[in-house]
C-alpha atoms as a PDB file:
ATOM      1  CA  MET A   1      23.422 -28.965   6.268  1.00  0.00           C
ATOM      2  CA  ILE A   2      21.609 -28.414   2.983  1.00  0.00           C
ATOM      3  CA  GLU A   3      20.189 -24.963   2.414  1.00  0.00           C
ATOM      4  CA  HIS A   4      17.843 -23.698  -0.276  1.00  0.00           C
ATOM      5  CA  PRO A   5      19.773 -21.730  -2.951  1.00  0.00           C
ATOM      6  CA  ASP A   6      17.593 -18.646  -2.468  1.00  0.00           C
ATOM      7  CA  ILE A   7      18.447 -18.570   1.243  1.00  0.00           C
ATOM      8  CA  THR A   8      22.150 -18.923   0.427  1.00  0.00           C
ATOM      9  CA  HIS A   9      21.872 -15.993  -1.997  1.00  0.00           C
ATOM     10  CA  ILE A  10      20.152 -13.828   0.648  1.00  0.00           C
ATOM     11  CA  ARG A  11      22.814 -14.687   3.224  1.00  0.00           C
ATOM     12  CA  ARG A  12      25.590 -13.741   0.768  1.00  0.00           C
ATOM     13  CA  THR A  13      24.104 -10.579  -0.704  1.00  0.00           C
ATOM     14  CA  GLY A  14      21.442  -9.454   1.744  1.00  0.00           C
ATOM     15  CA  TYR A  15      18.879  -9.371  -1.072  1.00  0.00           C
ATOM     16  CA  PRO A  16      16.519 -11.959  -2.545  1.00  0.00           C
ATOM     17  CA  LYS A  17      16.868 -13.093  -6.138  1.00  0.00           C
ATOM     18  CA  TYR A  18      14.281 -11.621  -8.421  1.00  0.00           C
ATOM     19  CA  ASN A  19      12.981 -13.641 -11.311  1.00  0.00           C
ATOM     20  CA  GLU A  20      13.474 -11.784 -14.544  1.00  0.00           C
ATOM     21  CA  ARG A  21      10.143 -11.064 -16.126  1.00  0.00           C
ATOM     22  CA  THR A  22       9.558 -11.186 -19.832  1.00  0.00           C
ATOM     23  CA  GLY A  23       6.905  -9.543 -21.934  1.00  0.00           C
ATOM     24  CA  LEU A  24       7.485  -5.887 -21.170  1.00  0.00           C
ATOM     25  CA  TYR A  25       4.285  -4.038 -22.110  1.00  0.00           C
ATOM     26  CA  GLY A  26       5.773  -0.599 -21.513  1.00  0.00           C
ATOM     27  CA  VAL A  27       6.282   2.070 -18.881  1.00  0.00           C
ATOM     28  CA  ASP A  28       3.232   3.703 -17.336  1.00  0.00           C
ATOM     29  CA  THR A  29       2.658   7.415 -16.817  1.00  0.00           C
ATOM     30  CA  LEU A  30       4.360   7.281 -13.408  1.00  0.00           C
ATOM     31  CA  GLY A  31       7.466   5.477 -14.683  1.00  0.00           C
ATOM     32  CA  ASN A  32       6.583   1.945 -13.526  1.00  0.00           C
ATOM     33  CA  GLU A  33       7.456  -0.998 -15.767  1.00  0.00           C
ATOM     34  CA  VAL A  34       4.302  -2.826 -16.874  1.00  0.00           C
ATOM     35  CA  TYR A  35       4.476  -6.439 -18.033  1.00  0.00           C
ATOM     36  CA  THR A  36       2.018  -8.548 -19.984  1.00  0.00           C
ATOM     37  CA  GLY A  37      -0.634  -9.825 -17.582  1.00  0.00           C
ATOM     38  CA  ASP A  38      -0.411  -6.858 -15.173  1.00  0.00           C
ATOM     39  CA  GLU A  39      -3.608  -5.020 -14.282  1.00  0.00           C
ATOM     40  CA  ILE A  40      -3.675  -1.415 -15.471  1.00  0.00           C
ATOM     41  CA  LEU A  41      -6.079   1.502 -15.322  1.00  0.00           C
ATOM     42  CA  VAL A  42      -6.449   3.220 -18.697  1.00  0.00           C
ATOM     43  CA  LEU A  43      -7.487   6.866 -19.013  1.00  0.00           C
ATOM     44  CA  ASP A  44      -7.534   8.314 -22.528  1.00  0.00           C
ATOM     45  CA  ASP A  45      -4.067   7.560 -23.962  1.00  0.00           C
ATOM     46  CA  THR A  46      -2.381   6.962 -20.609  1.00  0.00           C
ATOM     47  CA  TYR A  47      -2.220   3.937 -18.335  1.00  0.00           C
ATOM     48  CA  PHE A  48      -1.282   3.262 -14.709  1.00  0.00           C
ATOM     49  CA  LEU A  49      -0.051   0.053 -13.039  1.00  0.00           C
ATOM     50  CA  THR A  50      -2.709  -0.641 -10.404  1.00  0.00           C
ATOM     51  CA  ASP A  51      -0.240  -2.398  -8.066  1.00  0.00           C
ATOM     52  CA  GLU A  52       1.526   0.941  -7.546  1.00  0.00           C
ATOM     53  CA  LEU A  53      -1.584   3.049  -6.873  1.00  0.00           C
ATOM     54  CA  VAL A  54      -3.129   3.768  -3.494  1.00  0.00           C
ATOM     55  CA  PRO A  55      -6.882   3.082  -3.310  1.00  0.00           C
ATOM     56  CA  GLN A  56      -7.765   6.792  -3.271  1.00  0.00           C
ATOM     57  CA  THR A  57      -5.852   7.362  -6.510  1.00  0.00           C
ATOM     58  CA  GLU A  58      -7.654   4.455  -8.158  1.00  0.00           C
ATOM     59  CA  GLU A  59     -11.001   5.932  -7.103  1.00  0.00           C
ATOM     60  CA  VAL A  60     -10.142   9.364  -8.529  1.00  0.00           C
ATOM     61  CA  LEU A  61      -8.992   7.840 -11.818  1.00  0.00           C
ATOM     62  CA  LYS A  62     -12.240   5.841 -12.025  1.00  0.00           C
ATOM     63  CA  LEU A  63     -14.250   9.015 -11.367  1.00  0.00           C
ATOM     64  CA  PHE A  64     -12.533  10.605 -14.372  1.00  0.00           C
ATOM     65  CA  GLY A  65     -13.435   7.622 -16.546  1.00  0.00           C
ATOM     66  CA  ALA A  66     -10.458   5.254 -16.247  1.00  0.00           C
ATOM     67  CA  THR A  67     -11.224   1.585 -16.873  1.00  0.00           C
ATOM     68  CA  TYR A  68      -9.454  -1.597 -15.755  1.00  0.00           C
ATOM     69  CA  HIS A  69      -7.600  -3.697 -18.334  1.00  0.00           C
ATOM     70  CA  ILE A  70      -5.022  -6.470 -18.405  1.00  0.00           C
ATOM     71  CA  ALA A  71      -1.841  -5.512 -20.267  1.00  0.00           C
ATOM     72  CA  GLU A  72      -1.570  -7.704 -23.373  1.00  0.00           C
END
């Protein structure tokens, strides 16, 4: 039987393979790694990875003047 290499890796290790990402933009205020192309919320001199924020947090940041950007 032929099995996809990712499935074989999961069976052996219990974890999926993660593709290594390139283009590290930096680390946001909450300690999350941000890569080029990720959506961020910028407030003054700080930024937040939107994928790691709950909707209520995004709304509060927007109320304080944060704006959406793409990390470049």
